[in-house]
Each structure stands twice: as structure tokens, then as C-alpha cells.
Amino acid sequence: ESAYRVDRLRATTQKTLERDLDGQHLPALVRWYASPLGK
């Protein structure tokens, strides 16, 4: 429960995405998740 606390996982995941996700992919990701199929 301590190791997999949701607030800890979310913070770590967010930091990892901010660090590792190439910003050039963001517009495509936003379009995908805003599309009916992505939703």
C-alpha cells in the first residue's frame, strides 16, 4: 500500500513523462485523446 500509493505513482509517472516524452509528440497525443476513438 505504501509503495503503490496512488499519489506517489501519479507524481512519479508525471515526472517521468515530463522528462522522457518528446514535446513534438504532444499535439498528436492531444488530438488522439480528444478524438472519439481516443476517448
All heavy atoms as atom14 arrays in JSON, in Angstrom:
{
  "sequence": "ESAYRVDRLRATTQKTLERDLDGQHLPALVRWYASPLGK",
  "atom14_mask": [
    [1, 1, 1, 1, 1, 1, 1, 1, 1, 0, 0, 0, 0, 0],
    [1, 1, 1, 1, 1, 1, 0, 0, 0, 0, 0, 0, 0, 0],
    [1, 1, 1, 1, 1, 0, 0, 0, 0, 0, 0, 0, 0, 0],
    [1, 1, 1, 1, 1, 1, 1, 1, 1, 1, 1, 1, 0, 0],
    [1, 1, 1, 1, 1, 1, 1, 1, 1, 1, 1, 0, 0, 0],
    [1, 1, 1, 1, 1, 1, 1, 0, 0, 0, 0, 0, 0, 0],
    [1, 1, 1, 1, 1, 1, 1, 1, 0, 0, 0, 0, 0, 0],
    [1, 1, 1, 1, 1, 1, 1, 1, 1, 1, 1, 0, 0, 0],
    [1, 1, 1, 1, 1, 1, 1, 1, 0, 0, 0, 0, 0, 0],
    [1, 1, 1, 1, 1, 1, 1, 1, 1, 1, 1, 0, 0, 0],
    [1, 1, 1, 1, 1, 0, 0, 0, 0, 0, 0, 0, 0, 0],
    [1, 1, 1, 1, 1, 1, 1, 0, 0, 0, 0, 0, 0, 0],
    [1, 1, 1, 1, 1, 1, 1, 0, 0, 0, 0, 0, 0, 0],
    [1, 1, 1, 1, 1, 1, 1, 1, 1, 0, 0, 0, 0, 0],
    [1, 1, 1, 1, 1, 1, 1, 1, 1, 0, 0, 0, 0, 0],
    [1, 1, 1, 1, 1, 1, 1, 0, 0, 0, 0, 0, 0, 0],
    [1, 1, 1, 1, 1, 1, 1, 1, 0, 0, 0, 0, 0, 0],
    [1, 1, 1, 1, 1, 1, 1, 1, 1, 0, 0, 0, 0, 0],
    [1, 1, 1, 1, 1, 1, 1, 1, 1, 1, 1, 0, 0, 0],
    [1, 1, 1, 1, 1, 1, 1, 1, 0, 0, 0, 0, 0, 0],
    [1, 1, 1, 1, 1, 1, 1, 1, 0, 0, 0, 0, 0, 0],
    [1, 1, 1, 1, 1, 1, 1, 1, 0, 0, 0, 0, 0, 0],
    [1, 1, 1, 1, 0, 0, 0, 0, 0, 0, 0, 0, 0, 0],
    [1, 1, 1, 1, 1, 1, 1, 1, 1, 0, 0, 0, 0, 0],
    [1, 1, 1, 1, 1, 1, 1, 1, 1, 1, 0, 0, 0, 0],
    [1, 1, 1, 1, 1, 1, 1, 1, 0, 0, 0, 0, 0, 0],
    [1, 1, 1, 1, 1, 1, 1, 0, 0, 0, 0, 0, 0, 0],
    [1, 1, 1, 1, 1, 0, 0, 0, 0, 0, 0, 0, 0, 0],
    [1, 1, 1, 1, 1, 1, 1, 1, 0, 0, 0, 0, 0, 0],
    [1, 1, 1, 1, 1, 1, 1, 0, 0, 0, 0, 0, 0, 0],
    [1, 1, 1, 1, 1, 1, 1, 1, 1, 1, 1, 0, 0, 0],
    [1, 1, 1, 1, 1, 1, 1, 1, 1, 1, 1, 1, 1, 1],
    [1, 1, 1, 1, 1, 1, 1, 1, 1, 1, 1, 1, 0, 0],
    [1, 1, 1, 1, 1, 0, 0, 0, 0, 0, 0, 0, 0, 0],
    [1, 1, 1, 1, 1, 1, 0, 0, 0, 0, 0, 0, 0, 0],
    [1, 1, 1, 1, 1, 1, 1, 0, 0, 0, 0, 0, 0, 0],
    [1, 1, 1, 1, 1, 1, 1, 1, 0, 0, 0, 0, 0, 0],
    [1, 1, 1, 1, 0, 0, 0, 0, 0, 0, 0, 0, 0, 0],
    [1, 1, 1, 1, 1, 1, 1, 1, 1, 0, 0, 0, 0, 0]
  ],
  "atom14_positions": [
    [[0.83, -1.21, 0.0], [0.0, 0.0, 0.0], [0.86, 1.26, 0.0], [0.55, 2.23, -0.68], [-0.95, 0.0, 1.2], [-2.0, -1.1, 1.17], [-2.98, -0.98, 0.0], [-3.26, 0.14, -0.45], [-3.45, -2.03, -0.45], [0.0, 0.0, 0.0], [0.0, 0.0, 0.0], [0.0, 0.0, 0.0], [0.0, 0.0, 0.0], [0.0, 0.0, 0.0]],
    [[1.95, 1.23, 0.74], [2.85, 2.38, 0.8], [3.6, 2.57, -0.52], [3.67, 3.68, -1.05], [3.85, 2.21, 1.94], [4.76, 3.27, 1.96], [0.0, 0.0, 0.0], [0.0, 0.0, 0.0], [0.0, 0.0, 0.0], [0.0, 0.0, 0.0], [0.0, 0.0, 0.0], [0.0, 0.0, 0.0], [0.0, 0.0, 0.0], [0.0, 0.0, 0.0]],
    [[4.14, 1.49, -1.05], [4.93, 1.57, -2.29], [4.08, 1.96, -3.49], [4.57, 2.63, -4.41], [5.62, 0.23, -2.54], [0.0, 0.0, 0.0], [0.0, 0.0, 0.0], [0.0, 0.0, 0.0], [0.0, 0.0, 0.0], [0.0, 0.0, 0.0], [0.0, 0.0, 0.0], [0.0, 0.0, 0.0], [0.0, 0.0, 0.0], [0.0, 0.0, 0.0]],
    [[2.82, 1.54, -3.5], [1.94, 1.78, -4.65], [0.86, 2.81, -4.35], [-0.19, 2.81, -4.98], [1.31, 0.46, -5.11], [2.34, -0.47, -5.73], [3.05, -1.37, -4.94], [2.61, -0.41, -7.08], [4.0, -2.2, -5.5], [3.55, -1.24, -7.65], [4.25, -2.13, -6.85], [5.2, -2.95, -7.41], [0.0, 0.0, 0.0], [0.0, 0.0, 0.0]],
    [[1.14, 3.7, -3.41], [0.18, 4.77, -3.11], [-0.1, 5.56, -4.38], [0.81, 5.92, -5.11], [0.78, 5.71, -2.06], [0.17, 5.63, -0.72], [0.68, 6.66, 0.27], [1.31, 7.83, -0.32], [2.57, 8.21, -0.03], [3.3, 7.52, 0.81], [3.07, 9.29, -0.59], [0.0, 0.0, 0.0], [0.0, 0.0, 0.0], [0.0, 0.0, 0.0]],
    [[-1.36, 5.83, -4.64], [-1.76, 6.44, -5.89], [-1.12, 7.82, -6.08], [-0.69, 8.15, -7.19], [-3.29, 6.48, -6.05], [-3.94, 7.44, -5.08], [-3.67, 6.82, -7.48], [0.0, 0.0, 0.0], [0.0, 0.0, 0.0], [0.0, 0.0, 0.0], [0.0, 0.0, 0.0], [0.0, 0.0, 0.0], [0.0, 0.0, 0.0], [0.0, 0.0, 0.0]],
    [[-1.03, 8.61, -5.04], [-0.41, 9.93, -5.2], [1.06, 9.81, -5.57], [1.57, 10.57, -6.39], [-0.61, 10.79, -3.95], [0.0, 10.19, -2.7], [-0.02, 8.95, -2.53], [0.49, 10.97, -1.85], [0.0, 0.0, 0.0], [0.0, 0.0, 0.0], [0.0, 0.0, 0.0], [0.0, 0.0, 0.0], [0.0, 0.0, 0.0], [0.0, 0.0, 0.0]],
    [[1.74, 8.82, -5.02], [3.15, 8.59, -5.34], [3.3, 8.12, -6.79], [4.16, 8.61, -7.52], [3.73, 7.55, -4.38], [5.17, 7.19, -4.69], [5.69, 6.14, -3.76], [5.92, 6.77, -2.46], [6.21, 6.1, -1.36], [6.27, 4.79, -1.38], [6.42, 6.73, -0.23], [0.0, 0.0, 0.0], [0.0, 0.0, 0.0], [0.0, 0.0, 0.0]],
    [[2.47, 7.18, -7.2], [2.54, 6.68, -8.58], [2.24, 7.79, -9.59], [2.92, 7.9, -10.62], [1.56, 5.53, -8.78], [1.89, 4.22, -8.07], [0.78, 3.21, -8.3], [3.23, 3.67, -8.53], [0.0, 0.0, 0.0], [0.0, 0.0, 0.0], [0.0, 0.0, 0.0], [0.0, 0.0, 0.0], [0.0, 0.0, 0.0], [0.0, 0.0, 0.0]],
    [[1.22, 8.57, -9.3], [0.86, 9.65, -10.24], [1.99, 10.67, -10.34], [2.32, 11.13, -11.43], [-0.45, 10.3, -9.8], [-1.65, 9.42, -10.07], [-2.92, 10.0, -9.52], [-4.07, 9.19, -9.89], [-5.23, 9.24, -9.26], [-5.42, 10.08, -8.26], [-6.22, 8.46, -9.64], [0.0, 0.0, 0.0], [0.0, 0.0, 0.0], [0.0, 0.0, 0.0]],
    [[2.57, 11.06, -9.22], [3.66, 12.05, -9.24], [4.87, 11.5, -9.99], [5.47, 12.22, -10.82], [4.04, 12.44, -7.81], [0.0, 0.0, 0.0], [0.0, 0.0, 0.0], [0.0, 0.0, 0.0], [0.0, 0.0, 0.0], [0.0, 0.0, 0.0], [0.0, 0.0, 0.0], [0.0, 0.0, 0.0], [0.0, 0.0, 0.0], [0.0, 0.0, 0.0]],
    [[5.23, 10.26, -9.72], [6.39, 9.66, -10.39], [6.13, 9.52, -11.89], [7.0, 9.83, -12.71], [6.7, 8.28, -9.78], [6.98, 8.45, -8.39], [7.87, 7.61, -10.47], [0.0, 0.0, 0.0], [0.0, 0.0, 0.0], [0.0, 0.0, 0.0], [0.0, 0.0, 0.0], [0.0, 0.0, 0.0], [0.0, 0.0, 0.0], [0.0, 0.0, 0.0]],
    [[4.94, 9.09, -12.25], [4.6, 8.94, -13.66], [4.62, 10.29, -14.36], [5.16, 10.41, -15.47], [3.22, 8.27, -13.8], [3.26, 7.0, -13.16], [2.84, 8.09, -15.26], [0.0, 0.0, 0.0], [0.0, 0.0, 0.0], [0.0, 0.0, 0.0], [0.0, 0.0, 0.0], [0.0, 0.0, 0.0], [0.0, 0.0, 0.0], [0.0, 0.0, 0.0]],
    [[4.06, 11.29, -13.73], [4.05, 12.61, -14.34], [5.46, 13.14, -14.55], [5.79, 13.67, -15.62], [3.24, 13.59, -13.49], [3.1, 14.94, -14.15], [2.11, 15.84, -13.42], [1.47, 15.44, -12.46], [2.01, 17.06, -13.88], [0.0, 0.0, 0.0], [0.0, 0.0, 0.0], [0.0, 0.0, 0.0], [0.0, 0.0, 0.0], [0.0, 0.0, 0.0]],
    [[6.32, 12.99, -13.55], [7.71, 13.44, -13.69], [8.42, 12.68, -14.82], [9.17, 13.27, -15.59], [8.47, 13.24, -12.38], [8.11, 14.23, -11.31], [8.85, 13.92, -10.02], [8.32, 14.77, -8.89], [8.84, 14.36, -7.59], [0.0, 0.0, 0.0], [0.0, 0.0, 0.0], [0.0, 0.0, 0.0], [0.0, 0.0, 0.0], [0.0, 0.0, 0.0]],
    [[8.17, 11.39, -14.9], [8.8, 10.58, -15.94], [8.33, 11.01, -17.32], [9.13, 11.15, -18.25], [8.5, 9.08, -15.71], [9.0, 8.7, -14.42], [9.15, 8.22, -16.78], [0.0, 0.0, 0.0], [0.0, 0.0, 0.0], [0.0, 0.0, 0.0], [0.0, 0.0, 0.0], [0.0, 0.0, 0.0], [0.0, 0.0, 0.0], [0.0, 0.0, 0.0]],
    [[7.02, 11.24, -17.47], [6.5, 11.69, -18.75], [7.07, 13.07, -19.12], [7.45, 13.3, -20.27], [4.98, 11.73, -18.73], [4.28, 10.37, -18.74], [2.79, 10.54, -18.51], [4.54, 9.65, -20.05], [0.0, 0.0, 0.0], [0.0, 0.0, 0.0], [0.0, 0.0, 0.0], [0.0, 0.0, 0.0], [0.0, 0.0, 0.0], [0.0, 0.0, 0.0]],
    [[7.11, 13.97, -18.15], [7.66, 15.3, -18.42], [9.12, 15.21, -18.87], [9.55, 15.95, -19.75], [7.53, 16.18, -17.18], [6.11, 16.61, -16.88], [5.95, 17.29, -15.52], [6.93, 17.32, -14.72], [4.85, 17.78, -15.25], [0.0, 0.0, 0.0], [0.0, 0.0, 0.0], [0.0, 0.0, 0.0], [0.0, 0.0, 0.0], [0.0, 0.0, 0.0]],
    [[9.85, 14.31, -18.27], [11.27, 14.16, -18.58], [11.5, 13.44, -19.91], [12.35, 13.83, -20.71], [11.97, 13.39, -17.46], [13.48, 13.23, -17.66], [14.11, 12.28, -16.67], [13.64, 10.93, -16.94], [13.23, 10.08, -16.0], [13.22, 10.43, -14.73], [12.81, 8.88, -16.32], [0.0, 0.0, 0.0], [0.0, 0.0, 0.0], [0.0, 0.0, 0.0]],
    [[10.72, 12.38, -20.16], [11.03, 11.49, -21.27], [10.18, 11.67, -22.52], [10.57, 11.2, -23.59], [10.9, 10.03, -20.82], [11.92, 9.67, -19.75], [12.89, 10.43, -19.55], [11.74, 8.63, -19.1], [0.0, 0.0, 0.0], [0.0, 0.0, 0.0], [0.0, 0.0, 0.0], [0.0, 0.0, 0.0], [0.0, 0.0, 0.0], [0.0, 0.0, 0.0]],
    [[9.03, 12.31, -22.4], [8.16, 12.45, -23.56], [8.66, 13.59, -24.44], [8.85, 14.71, -23.97], [6.73, 12.73, -23.12], [5.68, 12.75, -24.22], [5.56, 11.38, -24.88], [4.33, 13.15, -23.64], [0.0, 0.0, 0.0], [0.0, 0.0, 0.0], [0.0, 0.0, 0.0], [0.0, 0.0, 0.0], [0.0, 0.0, 0.0], [0.0, 0.0, 0.0]],
    [[8.89, 13.29, -25.7], [9.35, 14.3, -26.65], [8.18, 15.24, -26.96], [7.12, 14.8, -27.41], [9.83, 13.61, -27.92], [10.54, 14.55, -28.89], [10.22, 15.75, -28.9], [11.4, 14.07, -29.63], [0.0, 0.0, 0.0], [0.0, 0.0, 0.0], [0.0, 0.0, 0.0], [0.0, 0.0, 0.0], [0.0, 0.0, 0.0], [0.0, 0.0, 0.0]],
    [[8.38, 16.51, -26.72], [7.34, 17.51, -26.9], [6.74, 17.55, -28.3], [5.59, 17.95, -28.47], [0.0, 0.0, 0.0], [0.0, 0.0, 0.0], [0.0, 0.0, 0.0], [0.0, 0.0, 0.0], [0.0, 0.0, 0.0], [0.0, 0.0, 0.0], [0.0, 0.0, 0.0], [0.0, 0.0, 0.0], [0.0, 0.0, 0.0], [0.0, 0.0, 0.0]],
    [[7.5, 17.11, -29.28], [6.96, 17.12, -30.65], [5.79, 16.16, -30.82], [5.01, 16.29, -31.74], [8.06, 16.81, -31.67], [8.52, 15.35, -31.65], [9.58, 15.06, -32.7], [9.74, 15.84, -33.64], [10.29, 13.97, -32.54], [0.0, 0.0, 0.0], [0.0, 0.0, 0.0], [0.0, 0.0, 0.0], [0.0, 0.0, 0.0], [0.0, 0.0, 0.0]],
    [[5.65, 15.2, -29.9], [4.56, 14.24, -29.99], [3.29, 14.71, -29.3], [2.23, 14.11, -29.46], [4.99, 12.89, -29.41], [6.16, 12.29, -30.1], [6.13, 11.9, -31.41], [7.41, 12.03, -29.66], [7.31, 11.42, -31.75], [8.1, 11.49, -30.71], [0.0, 0.0, 0.0], [0.0, 0.0, 0.0], [0.0, 0.0, 0.0], [0.0, 0.0, 0.0]],
    [[3.38, 15.77, -28.51], [2.23, 16.23, -27.74], [1.02, 16.6, -28.59], [-0.1, 16.18, -28.26], [2.61, 17.39, -26.83], [3.47, 17.0, -25.63], [3.88, 18.24, -24.85], [2.74, 16.02, -24.74], [0.0, 0.0, 0.0], [0.0, 0.0, 0.0], [0.0, 0.0, 0.0], [0.0, 0.0, 0.0], [0.0, 0.0, 0.0], [0.0, 0.0, 0.0]],
    [[1.18, 17.36, -29.68], [-0.01, 17.69, -30.48], [-0.75, 16.44, -30.99], [-1.98, 16.39, -30.95], [0.55, 18.53, -31.64], [1.8, 19.13, -31.1], [2.37, 18.08, -30.18], [0.0, 0.0, 0.0], [0.0, 0.0, 0.0], [0.0, 0.0, 0.0], [0.0, 0.0, 0.0], [0.0, 0.0, 0.0], [0.0, 0.0, 0.0], [0.0, 0.0, 0.0]],
    [[0.0, 15.44, -31.42], [-0.64, 14.21, -31.91], [-1.35, 13.47, -30.77], [-2.45, 12.94, -30.95], [0.4, 13.29, -32.57], [0.0, 0.0, 0.0], [0.0, 0.0, 0.0], [0.0, 0.0, 0.0], [0.0, 0.0, 0.0], [0.0, 0.0, 0.0], [0.0, 0.0, 0.0], [0.0, 0.0, 0.0], [0.0, 0.0, 0.0], [0.0, 0.0, 0.0]],
    [[-0.73, 13.44, -29.59], [-1.36, 12.79, -28.44], [-2.64, 13.51, -28.04], [-3.66, 12.87, -27.77], [-0.39, 12.75, -27.26], [0.76, 11.76, -27.36], [1.8, 12.01, -26.29], [0.23, 10.33, -27.29], [0.0, 0.0, 0.0], [0.0, 0.0, 0.0], [0.0, 0.0, 0.0], [0.0, 0.0, 0.0], [0.0, 0.0, 0.0], [0.0, 0.0, 0.0]],
    [[-2.59, 14.83, -28.01], [-3.77, 15.61, -27.65], [-4.89, 15.36, -28.66], [-6.05, 15.16, -28.26], [-3.43, 17.11, -27.53], [-4.68, 17.96, -27.41], [-2.5, 17.34, -26.34], [0.0, 0.0, 0.0], [0.0, 0.0, 0.0], [0.0, 0.0, 0.0], [0.0, 0.0, 0.0], [0.0, 0.0, 0.0], [0.0, 0.0, 0.0], [0.0, 0.0, 0.0]],
    [[-4.55, 15.35, -29.94], [-5.57, 15.08, -30.98], [-6.16, 13.69, -30.79], [-7.37, 13.49, -30.89], [-4.97, 15.2, -32.39], [-4.88, 16.61, -32.91], [-4.57, 16.66, -34.4], [-3.43, 15.85, -34.81], [-2.15, 16.24, -34.74], [-1.85, 17.44, -34.28], [-1.19, 15.44, -35.13], [0.0, 0.0, 0.0], [0.0, 0.0, 0.0], [0.0, 0.0, 0.0]],
    [[-5.3, 12.7, -30.55], [-5.77, 11.32, -30.38], [-6.74, 11.21, -29.2], [-7.84, 10.7, -29.33], [-4.6, 10.36, -30.19], [-5.01, 9.03, -29.63], [-4.76, 8.57, -28.39], [-5.79, 8.0, -30.29], [-5.32, 7.32, -28.21], [-5.95, 6.96, -29.37], [-6.35, 7.89, -31.54], [-6.64, 5.79, -29.67], [-7.05, 6.72, -31.84], [-7.19, 5.7, -30.91]],
    [[-6.33, 11.72, -28.05], [-7.17, 11.59, -26.86], [-8.41, 12.47, -26.91], [-9.37, 12.22, -26.18], [-6.36, 11.81, -25.58], [-5.43, 10.65, -25.32], [-4.06, 10.82, -25.34], [-5.94, 9.38, -25.09], [-3.21, 9.74, -25.12], [-5.11, 8.3, -24.87], [-3.74, 8.49, -24.89], [-2.91, 7.43, -24.68], [0.0, 0.0, 0.0], [0.0, 0.0, 0.0]],
    [[-8.43, 13.46, -27.79], [-9.62, 14.3, -27.97], [-10.57, 13.71, -29.01], [-11.73, 14.1, -29.09], [-9.22, 15.71, -28.4], [0.0, 0.0, 0.0], [0.0, 0.0, 0.0], [0.0, 0.0, 0.0], [0.0, 0.0, 0.0], [0.0, 0.0, 0.0], [0.0, 0.0, 0.0], [0.0, 0.0, 0.0], [0.0, 0.0, 0.0], [0.0, 0.0, 0.0]],
    [[-10.08, 12.74, -29.79], [-10.91, 12.13, -30.83], [-11.92, 11.17, -30.2], [-11.72, 10.68, -29.09], [-10.04, 11.36, -31.83], [-9.56, 10.15, -31.25], [0.0, 0.0, 0.0], [0.0, 0.0, 0.0], [0.0, 0.0, 0.0], [0.0, 0.0, 0.0], [0.0, 0.0, 0.0], [0.0, 0.0, 0.0], [0.0, 0.0, 0.0], [0.0, 0.0, 0.0]],
    [[-13.0, 10.87, -30.91], [-13.97, 9.91, -30.38], [-13.35, 8.54, -30.06], [-13.64, 7.97, -29.0], [-15.01, 9.8, -31.49], [-14.93, 11.11, -32.21], [-13.47, 11.49, -32.16], [0.0, 0.0, 0.0], [0.0, 0.0, 0.0], [0.0, 0.0, 0.0], [0.0, 0.0, 0.0], [0.0, 0.0, 0.0], [0.0, 0.0, 0.0], [0.0, 0.0, 0.0]],
    [[-12.5, 8.05, -30.94], [-11.87, 6.75, -30.69], [-10.9, 6.82, -29.51], [-10.85, 5.91, -28.67], [-11.15, 6.25, -31.95], [-10.59, 4.83, -31.88], [-11.66, 3.82, -31.5], [-9.94, 4.47, -33.21], [0.0, 0.0, 0.0], [0.0, 0.0, 0.0], [0.0, 0.0, 0.0], [0.0, 0.0, 0.0], [0.0, 0.0, 0.0], [0.0, 0.0, 0.0]],
    [[-10.15, 7.9, -29.42], [-9.24, 8.08, -28.29], [-9.98, 8.17, -26.96], [-9.56, 7.58, -25.96], [0.0, 0.0, 0.0], [0.0, 0.0, 0.0], [0.0, 0.0, 0.0], [0.0, 0.0, 0.0], [0.0, 0.0, 0.0], [0.0, 0.0, 0.0], [0.0, 0.0, 0.0], [0.0, 0.0, 0.0], [0.0, 0.0, 0.0], [0.0, 0.0, 0.0]],
    [[-11.1, 8.88, -26.95], [-11.92, 8.98, -25.74], [-12.47, 7.61, -25.36], [-12.51, 7.25, -24.18], [-13.06, 9.97, -25.94], [-12.6, 11.41, -25.96], [-13.77, 12.35, -26.22], [-13.3, 13.78, -26.3], [-14.39, 14.7, -26.61], [0.0, 0.0, 0.0], [0.0, 0.0, 0.0], [0.0, 0.0, 0.0], [0.0, 0.0, 0.0], [0.0, 0.0, 0.0]]
  ]
}
